[in-house]
Amino acid sequence: MGPGRSPPRRPAGPVARERGGTAYPARPVTLTLVTLHLFDTATRELRPFAPLDPEGRRVGIYICGLTTQGSPHIGHVRFAVAFDILRRWLERGHGYDVTLVRNVTDIDDKILTKAAEAGEPWWAWSYQHERETSRALELLGVLPVTYEPRATGHVTEQVELIETLVERGHAYAAEDGSGDVYFDVRSWPDYGSLTRQRLDDMEPAGDADPRGKRDPRDFALWKGHKQGEPETASWPTPWGRGRPGWHLECSAMARKYLGDAFDIHGGGVDLRFPHHENEQAQSRAAGLDFTRFWLHNAWVTVKGAKMGKSLGNALAVTELTRTVRPLVLRFYLGAVHYRSVIEYAEGSLTEAAASVERIEGFLGRALEEIGATAAEVVQESRALPVEDAFPTAFRAAMDDDVNVSEGLAVVFGAIREGNRALESGGAGGDASGGDAGDAEGGAPTGGALRHTVLQVVAMLDVLGADPLDERWTGGAGGDDQTGEVLAALVQDRLDARAQARADKDFATADAIRDQLTALGVVIEDTPAGARWALR
């Protein structure tokens, strides 16, 4: 680290996970220098990260989830993949016990409008799309969060926060009898600091009728019940019946599940203003320290425009995964640095599929060479100490603001060296030590091939893209009954193809290959016989 960047010494011993994430064996607590740096949107600089927790073990993260107004597309879910990778690295790479909270905005103007247009109760419409979102994230291998609170389940906490703001002189009830309650932006001099805007340069807040506002930029904390809205979409308060404003819910729920101060608040870059600016203002005006780091992921774009249904360029997760393997889509969304834009174009997923096939090809051949099952390798890899599980270059990349692009370069470098070892043959020898693909040592040989495999699997596990993980194989390391049946059926067809080729019946052999290809089975002919993998 350069001058002025030496962080304090903190305990950084890993602990076994019990909630939401992948379980890793607990290891002894040791004192290490903090090496992880994250880009804080508020300060616009890389900052050394150490948790608020005095013991240095626990990390609290809040990320803004989706408003359940419609089916999720890949632009919607990129944030979940990005913060899933961060969470995995904090847990596996640094041994922190992460509490991850992702809210559900289950009541909103758009939900009420779309539900009414569809002739559905608003709560049924919202719940339908909440389940679709959960299914999409599950398809993409996003680990379950620790808590996933709904806005409608935390009205009491939101009302209490409003009362605090009113008492402190930072909020007021509209005098027009609407039942609205607004945050007084001029009462908080720090308003605009997150996005570095001057108040007088800001546009009016468009979340409510400005007639009841002292300043057109004041934003709604609470929205009074309006004529024509469902009675079920309102709750009694000291200011009359109504429902929460969008910004209020996150402040209230972050406080409930993470406390008055927590480590990281994240979300899409489009939420910086007004949502996150307003969250920060109302929380700190209420006397809360709120978050220490702001992290924001960039968009998925199509021809330079943000992906969205209103532009007609949205690609729904459930539709894409009818023709594209979920693992390929996960790899695609997670292969770029979280602060870089992903420009979707025709052929993008084909490139991602080729990368996944390259990974699977190496692991398939290597497992056969070292005589290990997928389940054995996954278990052994997760038990490795951090220093053995991850090459130095990979640790450096991930500690540099979760630089997955550089991390993947290390992964593919290790695969390249592993393939060289496979070409040279042999799996015996010393299995200890060293980084996979060490430039000085050349290709790994002997038992070092096993160590290379373990490191590749460990690195891919952090990225959520390990093909051997049961999330992608359908069972524990691919050894479930379904996998065994599939393998037997494919092998039967490959045996028939081999016999046809031996009989010089090439038309039958080609027909079998075409049938398997149409079903998504990729065949590779090698001197040792045909190998196969799912596309």
Protein backbone atom coordinates (compact mmCIF):
# COMPACT_ATOMS: atom_id res chain seq x y z
CA MET A 1 0.00 0.00 0.00
CA GLY A 2 1.16 3.50 -0.79
CA PRO A 3 1.82 6.38 1.64
CA GLY A 4 -1.18 7.40 3.68
CA ARG A 5 -3.06 4.15 2.99
CA SER A 6 -1.85 2.00 5.88
CA PRO A 7 -5.00 0.75 7.61
CA PRO A 8 -5.29 -0.16 11.29
CA ARG A 9 -4.64 -3.68 12.45
CA ARG A 10 -7.89 -5.56 12.96
CA PRO A 11 -8.74 -9.19 13.77
CA ALA A 12 -9.73 -10.84 10.51
CA GLY A 13 -10.30 -14.46 11.49
CA PRO A 14 -12.93 -16.35 9.51
CA VAL A 15 -15.98 -17.88 11.10
CA ALA A 16 -18.33 -20.63 9.96
CA ARG A 17 -21.44 -19.29 8.20
CA GLU A 18 -24.81 -20.27 9.62
CA ARG A 19 -27.19 -17.92 7.79
CA GLY A 20 -27.86 -17.54 4.12
CA GLY A 21 -24.41 -18.20 2.68
CA THR A 22 -22.13 -21.10 1.87
CA ALA A 23 -20.72 -22.79 4.97
CA TYR A 24 -16.95 -22.74 5.26
CA PRO A 25 -15.01 -24.38 8.09
CA ALA A 26 -14.05 -22.01 10.90
CA ARG A 27 -10.38 -21.19 11.13
CA PRO A 28 -8.31 -19.67 13.95
CA VAL A 29 -8.57 -15.89 14.41
CA THR A 30 -5.36 -14.09 13.46
CA LEU A 31 -4.33 -10.44 13.33
CA THR A 32 -3.66 -9.25 9.79
CA LEU A 33 -3.31 -5.93 8.04
CA VAL A 34 -6.47 -4.84 6.29
CA THR A 35 -5.84 -5.17 2.57
CA LEU A 36 -9.34 -4.71 1.14
CA HIS A 37 -10.06 -1.35 -0.50
CA LEU A 38 -13.49 -0.30 -1.76
CA PHE A 39 -14.52 2.69 -3.86
CA ASP A 40 -16.76 4.90 -1.74
CA THR A 41 -19.17 6.87 -3.92
CA ALA A 42 -19.52 9.55 -1.25
CA THR A 43 -15.81 10.39 -1.12
CA ARG A 44 -15.09 9.27 -4.70
CA GLU A 45 -11.96 7.43 -3.69
CA LEU A 46 -10.67 3.99 -2.78
CA ARG A 47 -10.76 3.58 0.98
CA PRO A 48 -9.35 0.79 3.17
CA PHE A 49 -12.18 -1.31 4.55
CA ALA A 50 -12.34 -2.57 8.13
CA PRO A 51 -15.67 -3.37 9.80
CA LEU A 52 -17.27 -1.27 12.51
CA ASP A 53 -17.53 -4.35 14.70
CA PRO A 54 -14.98 -3.92 17.54
CA GLU A 55 -14.05 -7.61 17.23
CA GLY A 56 -13.47 -7.23 13.49
CA ARG A 57 -15.70 -10.18 12.67
CA ARG A 58 -19.11 -8.92 11.57
CA VAL A 59 -19.99 -6.83 8.52
CA GLY A 60 -23.41 -5.25 7.91
CA ILE A 61 -24.56 -4.56 4.34
CA TYR A 62 -27.84 -3.06 3.13
CA ILE A 63 -28.74 -3.11 -0.57
CA CYS A 64 -31.85 -1.70 -2.16
CA GLY A 65 -33.96 -4.45 -3.68
CA LEU A 66 -36.48 -4.23 -6.46
CA THR A 67 -39.88 -2.58 -6.55
CA THR A 68 -42.17 -5.51 -7.32
CA GLN A 69 -44.10 -3.88 -10.15
CA GLY A 70 -43.17 -6.33 -12.94
CA SER A 71 -41.02 -9.25 -14.05
CA PRO A 72 -37.26 -8.75 -13.55
CA HIS A 73 -34.89 -8.38 -16.51
CA ILE A 74 -31.11 -8.76 -16.48
CA GLY A 75 -30.63 -5.03 -15.94
CA HIS A 76 -32.67 -5.31 -12.75
CA VAL A 77 -30.70 -8.18 -11.27
CA ARG A 78 -27.15 -7.08 -12.04
CA PHE A 79 -26.93 -5.40 -8.63
CA ALA A 80 -27.75 -8.68 -6.89
CA VAL A 81 -24.97 -10.53 -8.72
CA ALA A 82 -22.46 -7.74 -8.04
CA PHE A 83 -23.13 -7.63 -4.30
CA ASP A 84 -23.31 -11.42 -4.11
CA ILE A 85 -19.69 -11.50 -5.29
CA LEU A 86 -18.72 -8.87 -2.71
CA ARG A 87 -20.47 -10.83 0.02
CA ARG A 88 -18.74 -14.09 -1.03
CA TRP A 89 -15.31 -12.41 -0.99
CA LEU A 90 -15.91 -10.86 2.42
CA GLU A 91 -16.89 -14.27 3.77
CA ARG A 92 -14.46 -16.56 1.97
CA GLY A 93 -11.54 -14.23 1.35
CA HIS A 94 -11.61 -12.38 4.69
CA GLY A 95 -13.61 -14.65 6.98
CA TYR A 96 -16.18 -12.03 7.96
CA ASP A 97 -19.64 -12.94 9.21
CA VAL A 98 -21.79 -10.92 6.82
CA THR A 99 -25.33 -9.79 7.59
CA LEU A 100 -26.85 -8.87 4.23
CA VAL A 101 -30.20 -7.10 4.10
CA ARG A 102 -32.04 -6.60 0.80
CA ASN A 103 -35.44 -4.95 1.03
CA VAL A 104 -38.58 -5.50 -1.03
CA THR A 105 -40.50 -2.38 -2.03
CA ASP A 106 -43.92 -4.00 -2.12
CA ILE A 107 -46.03 -0.83 -2.19
CA ASP A 108 -45.46 2.08 -4.56
CA ASP A 109 -47.30 4.35 -6.98
CA LYS A 110 -46.34 2.13 -9.93
CA ILE A 111 -47.52 -1.03 -8.18
CA LEU A 112 -50.91 0.52 -7.48
CA THR A 113 -51.23 1.77 -11.06
CA LYS A 114 -50.21 -1.48 -12.77
CA ALA A 115 -52.31 -3.62 -10.46
CA ALA A 116 -55.36 -1.47 -11.19
CA GLU A 117 -54.72 -1.72 -14.94
CA ALA A 118 -54.50 -5.51 -14.65
CA GLY A 119 -57.61 -5.70 -12.46
CA GLU A 120 -55.65 -7.35 -9.66
CA PRO A 121 -55.40 -6.51 -5.95
CA TRP A 122 -52.20 -4.50 -5.43
CA TRP A 123 -50.86 -6.92 -2.84
CA ALA A 124 -51.42 -9.93 -5.13
CA TRP A 125 -49.71 -8.15 -8.02
CA SER A 126 -46.77 -7.25 -5.82
CA TYR A 127 -46.40 -10.73 -4.35
CA GLN A 128 -46.53 -12.37 -7.78
CA HIS A 129 -43.56 -10.30 -8.96
CA GLU A 130 -41.72 -10.68 -5.68
CA ARG A 131 -41.80 -14.45 -6.24
CA GLU A 132 -40.65 -14.00 -9.84
CA THR A 133 -37.71 -11.93 -8.61
CA SER A 134 -36.78 -14.52 -6.00
CA ARG A 135 -36.88 -17.24 -8.62
CA ALA A 136 -34.70 -15.20 -11.00
CA LEU A 137 -32.05 -14.62 -8.33
CA GLU A 138 -32.14 -18.29 -7.39
CA LEU A 139 -31.65 -19.24 -11.06
CA LEU A 140 -28.56 -17.01 -11.14
CA GLY A 141 -27.02 -18.61 -8.07
CA VAL A 142 -27.36 -15.55 -5.83
CA LEU A 143 -26.99 -16.68 -2.22
CA PRO A 144 -30.02 -16.11 0.05
CA VAL A 145 -29.76 -12.87 2.00
CA THR A 146 -29.81 -12.82 5.78
CA TYR A 147 -33.00 -10.75 5.91
CA GLU A 148 -35.40 -9.64 3.16
CA PRO A 149 -37.87 -7.25 4.80
CA ARG A 150 -40.92 -5.79 3.04
CA ALA A 151 -41.84 -2.14 3.28
CA THR A 152 -45.42 -2.99 4.30
CA GLY A 153 -44.13 -5.03 7.24
CA HIS A 154 -42.30 -2.08 8.78
CA VAL A 155 -44.84 0.74 8.87
CA THR A 156 -44.46 1.15 12.64
CA GLU A 157 -40.71 1.74 12.34
CA GLN A 158 -41.26 4.24 9.53
CA VAL A 159 -43.85 6.21 11.48
CA GLU A 160 -41.49 6.37 14.48
CA LEU A 161 -38.71 7.71 12.22
CA ILE A 162 -41.04 10.42 10.86
CA GLU A 163 -41.99 11.44 14.40
CA THR A 164 -38.30 11.81 15.26
CA LEU A 165 -37.71 14.00 12.21
CA VAL A 166 -40.73 16.18 13.03
CA GLU A 167 -39.53 16.61 16.63
CA ARG A 168 -36.06 17.60 15.40
CA GLY A 169 -37.47 20.19 13.02
CA HIS A 170 -36.57 18.36 9.80
CA ALA A 171 -40.05 17.25 8.70
CA TYR A 172 -43.54 18.74 8.62
CA ALA A 173 -47.11 17.75 7.80
CA ALA A 174 -48.55 19.42 4.71
CA GLU A 175 -50.95 22.25 5.52
CA ASP A 176 -53.26 21.42 2.62
CA GLY A 177 -54.97 18.57 4.49
CA SER A 178 -53.59 15.93 2.13
CA GLY A 179 -52.05 13.87 4.93
CA ASP A 180 -48.63 14.09 3.28
CA VAL A 181 -45.51 14.55 5.43
CA TYR A 182 -42.38 16.04 3.88
CA PHE A 183 -38.69 16.24 4.67
CA ASP A 184 -37.57 19.86 4.86
CA VAL A 185 -34.43 19.84 2.71
CA ARG A 186 -33.42 23.38 3.71
CA SER A 187 -33.32 22.32 7.35
CA TRP A 188 -30.43 19.96 6.60
CA PRO A 189 -27.36 21.85 5.29
CA ASP A 190 -25.64 18.62 4.22
CA TYR A 191 -28.40 17.76 1.73
CA GLY A 192 -26.82 17.07 -1.67
CA SER A 193 -23.44 15.97 -0.28
CA LEU A 194 -23.64 12.38 -1.55
CA THR A 195 -24.09 13.46 -5.16
CA ARG A 196 -22.26 16.78 -4.73
CA GLN A 197 -25.13 18.98 -5.81
CA ARG A 198 -26.16 22.43 -4.65
CA LEU A 199 -29.73 22.57 -3.45
CA ASP A 200 -30.58 25.54 -5.65
CA ASP A 201 -29.43 23.61 -8.73
CA MET A 202 -31.73 20.62 -8.08
CA GLU A 203 -34.97 19.90 -9.87
CA PRO A 204 -38.22 19.85 -7.84
CA ALA A 205 -39.07 16.48 -6.26
CA GLY A 206 -41.74 14.86 -8.40
CA ASP A 207 -43.09 12.47 -5.78
CA ALA A 208 -46.14 14.48 -4.67
CA ASP A 209 -48.30 17.54 -5.35
CA PRO A 210 -46.01 20.54 -4.67
CA ARG A 211 -48.85 22.68 -3.31
CA GLY A 212 -48.35 21.33 0.23
CA LYS A 213 -44.58 21.81 0.21
CA ARG A 214 -42.51 24.61 1.70
CA ASP A 215 -39.88 24.02 -0.99
CA PRO A 216 -40.55 22.17 -4.25
CA ARG A 217 -37.48 20.00 -3.54
CA ASP A 218 -38.89 18.70 -0.26
CA PHE A 219 -39.58 14.98 -0.64
CA ALA A 220 -42.38 12.81 0.72
CA LEU A 221 -41.83 10.77 3.85
CA TRP A 222 -45.48 9.77 4.04
CA LYS A 223 -48.20 9.93 1.40
CA GLY A 224 -51.76 10.62 2.52
CA HIS A 225 -54.48 8.33 1.22
CA LYS A 226 -55.97 9.67 -2.01
CA GLN A 227 -59.43 9.20 -3.45
CA GLY A 228 -59.57 6.19 -5.75
CA GLU A 229 -56.70 4.36 -4.06
CA PRO A 230 -57.45 1.04 -2.32
CA GLU A 231 -58.21 1.42 1.37
CA THR A 232 -55.98 -1.60 1.97
CA ALA A 233 -53.02 0.43 0.69
CA SER A 234 -53.09 2.77 3.70
CA TRP A 235 -52.35 2.70 7.41
CA PRO A 236 -53.49 4.96 10.29
CA THR A 237 -50.97 7.53 11.56
CA PRO A 238 -51.06 10.79 13.55
CA TRP A 239 -51.36 12.59 10.18
CA GLY A 240 -54.20 10.46 8.85
CA ARG A 241 -54.31 7.30 6.75
CA GLY A 242 -51.62 6.87 4.15
CA ARG A 243 -48.60 4.87 3.04
CA PRO A 244 -44.82 5.21 3.17
CA GLY A 245 -42.78 7.30 0.78
CA TRP A 246 -40.21 5.34 -1.22
CA HIS A 247 -37.10 6.70 0.52
CA LEU A 248 -38.30 6.28 4.10
CA GLU A 249 -38.58 2.50 4.10
CA CYS A 250 -34.88 1.84 3.54
CA SER A 251 -33.76 4.10 6.38
CA ALA A 252 -36.17 2.42 8.78
CA MET A 253 -35.34 -1.14 7.78
CA ALA A 254 -31.57 -0.62 7.65
CA ARG A 255 -31.76 0.71 11.21
CA LYS A 256 -33.88 -2.19 12.45
CA TYR A 257 -31.67 -4.96 11.07
CA LEU A 258 -28.21 -3.35 11.10
CA GLY A 259 -28.40 -0.67 13.79
CA ASP A 260 -27.84 3.08 13.81
CA ALA A 261 -24.52 2.64 11.99
CA PHE A 262 -23.43 -0.06 9.56
CA ASP A 263 -20.66 -0.78 7.10
CA ILE A 264 -21.89 -0.72 3.50
CA HIS A 265 -24.95 0.55 1.63
CA GLY A 266 -25.21 -0.50 -2.01
CA GLY A 267 -27.41 -0.37 -5.06
CA GLY A 268 -27.57 0.63 -8.68
CA VAL A 269 -25.92 3.87 -9.79
CA ASP A 270 -29.32 5.24 -10.84
CA LEU A 271 -30.39 5.21 -7.17
CA ARG A 272 -27.76 7.73 -6.09
CA PHE A 273 -30.23 10.56 -6.62
CA PRO A 274 -32.75 11.09 -5.36
CA HIS A 275 -33.16 7.81 -3.45
CA HIS A 276 -29.82 7.42 -1.69
CA GLU A 277 -29.33 11.15 -1.24
CA ASN A 278 -32.70 11.28 0.52
CA GLU A 279 -32.01 8.18 2.58
CA GLN A 280 -28.78 9.65 3.87
CA ALA A 281 -30.33 13.02 4.66
CA GLN A 282 -33.33 11.68 6.59
CA SER A 283 -31.26 9.11 8.52
CA ARG A 284 -28.55 11.54 9.60
CA ALA A 285 -31.07 14.27 10.35
CA ALA A 286 -32.71 11.76 12.70
CA GLY A 287 -29.39 11.40 14.53
CA LEU A 288 -28.22 8.14 12.94
CA ASP A 289 -24.66 7.63 11.71
CA PHE A 290 -26.05 5.46 8.90
CA THR A 291 -23.57 3.89 6.44
CA ARG A 292 -19.76 4.23 6.28
CA PHE A 293 -19.39 3.19 2.62
CA TRP A 294 -21.60 3.81 -0.42
CA LEU A 295 -21.10 1.31 -3.28
CA HIS A 296 -22.92 1.62 -6.61
CA ASN A 297 -22.96 -0.75 -9.57
CA ALA A 298 -23.27 0.43 -13.17
CA TRP A 299 -26.05 -0.37 -15.65
CA VAL A 300 -26.65 -3.00 -18.26
CA THR A 301 -27.14 -1.08 -21.51
CA VAL A 302 -28.31 -1.82 -25.03
CA LYS A 303 -26.86 0.44 -27.76
CA GLY A 304 -25.77 2.84 -25.04
CA ALA A 305 -29.21 3.14 -23.41
CA LYS A 306 -30.07 1.78 -19.98
CA MET A 307 -32.01 -1.47 -20.29
CA GLY A 308 -35.66 -0.94 -19.39
CA LYS A 309 -39.15 -2.04 -20.34
CA SER A 310 -40.13 1.49 -21.26
CA LEU A 311 -37.45 1.46 -23.98
CA GLY A 312 -38.50 -1.95 -25.27
CA ASN A 313 -35.01 -3.41 -24.81
CA ALA A 314 -35.52 -5.45 -21.66
CA LEU A 315 -34.43 -9.11 -21.55
CA ALA A 316 -36.37 -11.01 -18.89
CA VAL A 317 -34.33 -13.47 -16.85
CA THR A 318 -36.94 -16.22 -17.11
CA GLU A 319 -37.15 -15.84 -20.90
CA LEU A 320 -33.38 -15.76 -21.44
CA THR A 321 -32.82 -18.87 -19.35
CA ARG A 322 -35.12 -20.86 -21.64
CA THR A 323 -32.35 -20.80 -24.24
CA VAL A 324 -29.26 -19.83 -22.22
CA ARG A 325 -27.91 -21.82 -19.29
CA PRO A 326 -28.34 -19.91 -16.02
CA LEU A 327 -24.64 -20.46 -15.27
CA VAL A 328 -23.73 -18.71 -18.53
CA LEU A 329 -25.97 -15.74 -17.70
CA ARG A 330 -24.51 -15.56 -14.20
CA PHE A 331 -20.98 -15.61 -15.63
CA TYR A 332 -21.90 -12.87 -18.10
CA LEU A 333 -23.33 -10.54 -15.44
CA GLY A 334 -20.47 -11.14 -13.03
CA ALA A 335 -17.46 -11.05 -15.36
CA VAL A 336 -17.17 -7.25 -15.52
CA HIS A 337 -16.10 -4.90 -12.72
CA TYR A 338 -19.23 -3.82 -10.85
CA ARG A 339 -18.62 -0.12 -11.61
CA SER A 340 -18.27 -0.75 -15.36
CA VAL A 341 -21.21 -0.68 -17.75
CA ILE A 342 -22.19 -3.99 -19.35
CA GLU A 343 -23.12 -3.29 -22.98
CA TYR A 344 -25.38 -6.10 -24.14
CA ALA A 345 -25.13 -6.96 -27.83
CA GLU A 346 -25.86 -9.91 -30.08
CA GLY A 347 -23.21 -12.51 -29.40
CA SER A 348 -22.47 -11.38 -25.83
CA LEU A 349 -23.90 -14.53 -24.29
CA THR A 350 -22.20 -16.70 -26.92
CA GLU A 351 -18.85 -15.38 -25.73
CA ALA A 352 -19.83 -16.05 -22.12
CA ALA A 353 -20.91 -19.59 -23.05
CA ALA A 354 -17.54 -20.23 -24.69
CA SER A 355 -15.76 -19.13 -21.51
CA VAL A 356 -17.91 -21.41 -19.36
CA GLU A 357 -17.31 -24.33 -21.73
CA ARG A 358 -13.56 -23.71 -21.50
CA ILE A 359 -13.77 -23.85 -17.70
CA GLU A 360 -15.92 -26.97 -17.74
CA GLY A 361 -13.67 -28.67 -20.28
CA PHE A 362 -10.61 -28.19 -18.09
CA LEU A 363 -12.33 -29.29 -14.89
CA GLY A 364 -13.85 -32.36 -16.54
CA ARG A 365 -10.48 -33.55 -17.86
CA ALA A 366 -8.64 -32.65 -14.66
CA LEU A 367 -11.09 -34.51 -12.40
CA GLU A 368 -10.65 -37.62 -14.50
CA GLU A 369 -6.87 -37.26 -14.41
CA ILE A 370 -6.61 -36.81 -10.62
CA GLY A 371 -9.27 -39.44 -9.94
CA ALA A 372 -11.59 -37.24 -7.87
CA THR A 373 -15.31 -36.54 -7.94
CA ALA A 374 -16.76 -33.07 -8.22
CA ALA A 375 -18.19 -33.29 -4.70
CA GLU A 376 -14.79 -34.24 -3.25
CA VAL A 377 -13.05 -31.34 -4.98
CA VAL A 378 -15.67 -28.79 -3.89
CA GLN A 379 -15.47 -29.94 -0.28
CA GLU A 380 -11.67 -30.01 -0.25
CA SER A 381 -11.43 -26.59 -1.89
CA ARG A 382 -13.72 -24.95 0.65
CA ALA A 383 -11.66 -26.35 3.51
CA LEU A 384 -8.42 -24.76 2.30
CA PRO A 385 -6.95 -21.78 4.19
CA VAL A 386 -7.22 -18.52 2.26
CA GLU A 387 -3.52 -18.47 1.44
CA ASP A 388 -3.74 -21.90 -0.20
CA ALA A 389 -7.17 -21.47 -1.81
CA PHE A 390 -6.42 -18.28 -3.73
CA PRO A 391 -3.34 -17.28 -5.75
CA THR A 392 -1.71 -14.07 -4.59
CA ALA A 393 -2.72 -12.26 -7.79
CA PHE A 394 -6.37 -13.23 -7.31
CA ARG A 395 -6.39 -11.96 -3.73
CA ALA A 396 -4.82 -8.71 -4.85
CA ALA A 397 -7.41 -8.27 -7.61
CA MET A 398 -10.40 -8.92 -5.35
CA ASP A 399 -9.00 -6.68 -2.62
CA ASP A 400 -8.71 -3.91 -5.21
CA ASP A 401 -12.39 -2.90 -5.15
CA VAL A 402 -13.54 -6.42 -6.09
CA ASN A 403 -11.82 -6.34 -9.48
CA VAL A 404 -13.39 -9.45 -11.00
CA SER A 405 -11.95 -8.74 -14.46
CA GLU A 406 -8.41 -9.08 -13.11
CA GLY A 407 -9.53 -12.00 -10.98
CA LEU A 408 -10.82 -13.87 -14.02
CA ALA A 409 -7.51 -13.28 -15.76
CA VAL A 410 -5.91 -15.24 -12.92
CA VAL A 411 -8.54 -17.98 -13.26
CA PHE A 412 -7.92 -18.45 -16.96
CA GLY A 413 -4.17 -18.26 -16.46
CA ALA A 414 -4.45 -21.15 -14.03
CA ILE A 415 -6.62 -23.09 -16.48
CA ARG A 416 -4.11 -22.50 -19.25
CA GLU A 417 -1.30 -23.90 -17.10
CA GLY A 418 -3.52 -26.76 -15.98
CA ASN A 419 -4.22 -27.73 -19.57
CA ARG A 420 -0.48 -27.77 -20.24
CA ALA A 421 -0.08 -30.18 -17.34
CA LEU A 422 -2.82 -32.40 -18.72
CA GLU A 423 -1.12 -32.45 -22.11
CA SER A 424 2.13 -33.53 -20.44
CA GLY A 425 0.24 -36.30 -18.59
CA GLY A 426 0.54 -37.68 -15.07
CA ALA A 427 -1.15 -36.83 -11.78
CA GLY A 428 1.30 -38.14 -9.24
CA GLY A 429 3.86 -36.23 -7.23
CA ASP A 430 3.90 -33.52 -4.60
CA ALA A 431 0.50 -31.84 -4.27
CA SER A 432 1.66 -29.03 -2.06
CA GLY A 433 2.10 -25.37 -2.41
CA GLY A 434 2.38 -22.51 -4.79
CA ASP A 435 0.00 -20.45 -6.84
CA ALA A 436 -1.78 -22.00 -9.79
CA GLY A 437 -0.04 -21.03 -13.01
CA ASP A 438 3.03 -19.60 -11.28
CA ALA A 439 5.07 -18.04 -14.08
CA GLU A 440 8.37 -19.14 -12.54
CA GLY A 441 7.31 -22.73 -11.97
CA GLY A 442 5.68 -23.19 -15.39
CA ALA A 443 2.84 -25.64 -15.81
CA PRO A 444 1.80 -27.50 -12.66
CA THR A 445 2.95 -31.11 -12.72
CA GLY A 446 2.19 -34.18 -10.68
CA GLY A 447 0.06 -33.62 -7.61
CA ALA A 448 0.30 -29.88 -8.21
CA LEU A 449 -2.43 -30.38 -10.83
CA ARG A 450 -4.81 -31.21 -7.99
CA HIS A 451 -3.83 -27.99 -6.22
CA THR A 452 -4.47 -26.04 -9.42
CA VAL A 453 -7.94 -27.59 -9.67
CA LEU A 454 -8.68 -26.70 -6.04
CA GLN A 455 -7.62 -23.09 -6.59
CA VAL A 456 -9.65 -22.76 -9.81
CA VAL A 457 -12.72 -24.10 -8.01
CA ALA A 458 -12.14 -21.77 -5.04
CA MET A 459 -11.80 -18.71 -7.27
CA LEU A 460 -14.90 -19.59 -9.29
CA ASP A 461 -16.83 -20.22 -6.08
CA VAL A 462 -16.15 -16.63 -4.98
CA LEU A 463 -17.46 -15.44 -8.36
CA GLY A 464 -20.53 -17.65 -7.99
CA ALA A 465 -19.65 -19.46 -11.22
CA ASP A 466 -18.17 -22.78 -10.13
CA PRO A 467 -19.61 -25.40 -12.54
CA LEU A 468 -19.09 -28.10 -9.90
CA ASP A 469 -21.31 -26.33 -7.36
CA GLU A 470 -24.58 -28.12 -6.65
CA ARG A 471 -26.48 -24.97 -7.62
CA TRP A 472 -25.55 -25.63 -11.24
CA THR A 473 -25.36 -29.44 -11.25
CA GLY A 474 -28.71 -30.03 -9.55
CA GLY A 475 -27.23 -31.98 -6.64
CA ALA A 476 -24.24 -32.27 -4.36
CA GLY A 477 -21.37 -31.84 -6.77
CA GLY A 478 -23.32 -33.45 -9.60
CA ASP A 479 -23.55 -36.86 -7.89
CA ASP A 480 -27.31 -36.85 -7.42
CA GLN A 481 -29.51 -39.52 -8.95
CA THR A 482 -30.62 -37.28 -11.83
CA GLY A 483 -27.03 -36.59 -12.81
CA GLU A 484 -26.18 -40.28 -12.71
CA VAL A 485 -29.12 -41.17 -14.94
CA LEU A 486 -28.23 -38.41 -17.42
CA ALA A 487 -24.60 -39.54 -17.53
CA ALA A 488 -25.63 -43.13 -18.16
CA LEU A 489 -27.98 -42.16 -20.98
CA VAL A 490 -25.41 -39.94 -22.70
CA GLN A 491 -22.71 -42.57 -22.31
CA ASP A 492 -24.99 -45.17 -23.90
CA ARG A 493 -25.38 -42.96 -26.98
CA LEU A 494 -21.63 -42.28 -27.07
CA ASP A 495 -20.93 -46.01 -26.94
CA ALA A 496 -23.34 -46.54 -29.83
CA ARG A 497 -21.58 -43.76 -31.76
CA ALA A 498 -18.17 -45.32 -31.08
CA GLN A 499 -19.41 -48.67 -32.36
CA ALA A 500 -20.86 -47.07 -35.47
CA ARG A 501 -17.52 -45.40 -36.19
CA ALA A 502 -15.70 -48.70 -35.65
CA ASP A 503 -18.09 -50.27 -38.18
CA LYS A 504 -17.40 -47.33 -40.53
CA ASP A 505 -21.08 -46.43 -40.36
CA PHE A 506 -20.31 -42.72 -40.31
CA ALA A 507 -23.85 -41.63 -41.19
CA THR A 508 -25.18 -43.23 -37.99
CA ALA A 509 -22.29 -41.82 -35.95
CA ASP A 510 -22.96 -38.31 -37.27
CA ALA A 511 -26.69 -38.67 -36.61
CA ILE A 512 -26.05 -39.59 -32.96
CA ARG A 513 -23.73 -36.62 -32.56
CA ASP A 514 -26.33 -34.29 -34.11
CA GLN A 515 -29.02 -35.63 -31.77
CA LEU A 516 -26.90 -35.02 -28.72
CA THR A 517 -25.88 -31.55 -29.93
CA ALA A 518 -29.53 -30.61 -30.45
CA LEU A 519 -30.18 -31.61 -26.82
CA GLY A 520 -27.38 -29.35 -25.59
CA VAL A 521 -24.68 -32.01 -25.18
CA VAL A 522 -21.26 -30.88 -26.44
CA ILE A 523 -18.99 -33.73 -27.59
CA GLU A 524 -15.21 -33.52 -27.73
CA ASP A 525 -13.27 -36.36 -29.39
CA THR A 526 -9.92 -37.04 -27.73
CA PRO A 527 -7.29 -39.80 -28.05
CA ALA A 528 -8.75 -41.30 -24.87
CA GLY A 529 -12.28 -41.33 -26.28
CA ALA A 530 -15.23 -38.98 -26.49
CA ARG A 531 -15.90 -36.53 -23.65
CA TRP A 532 -19.13 -34.63 -23.16
CA ALA A 533 -20.50 -31.62 -21.30
CA LEU A 534 -23.79 -29.76 -21.20
CA ARG A 535 -23.89 -26.59 -23.26
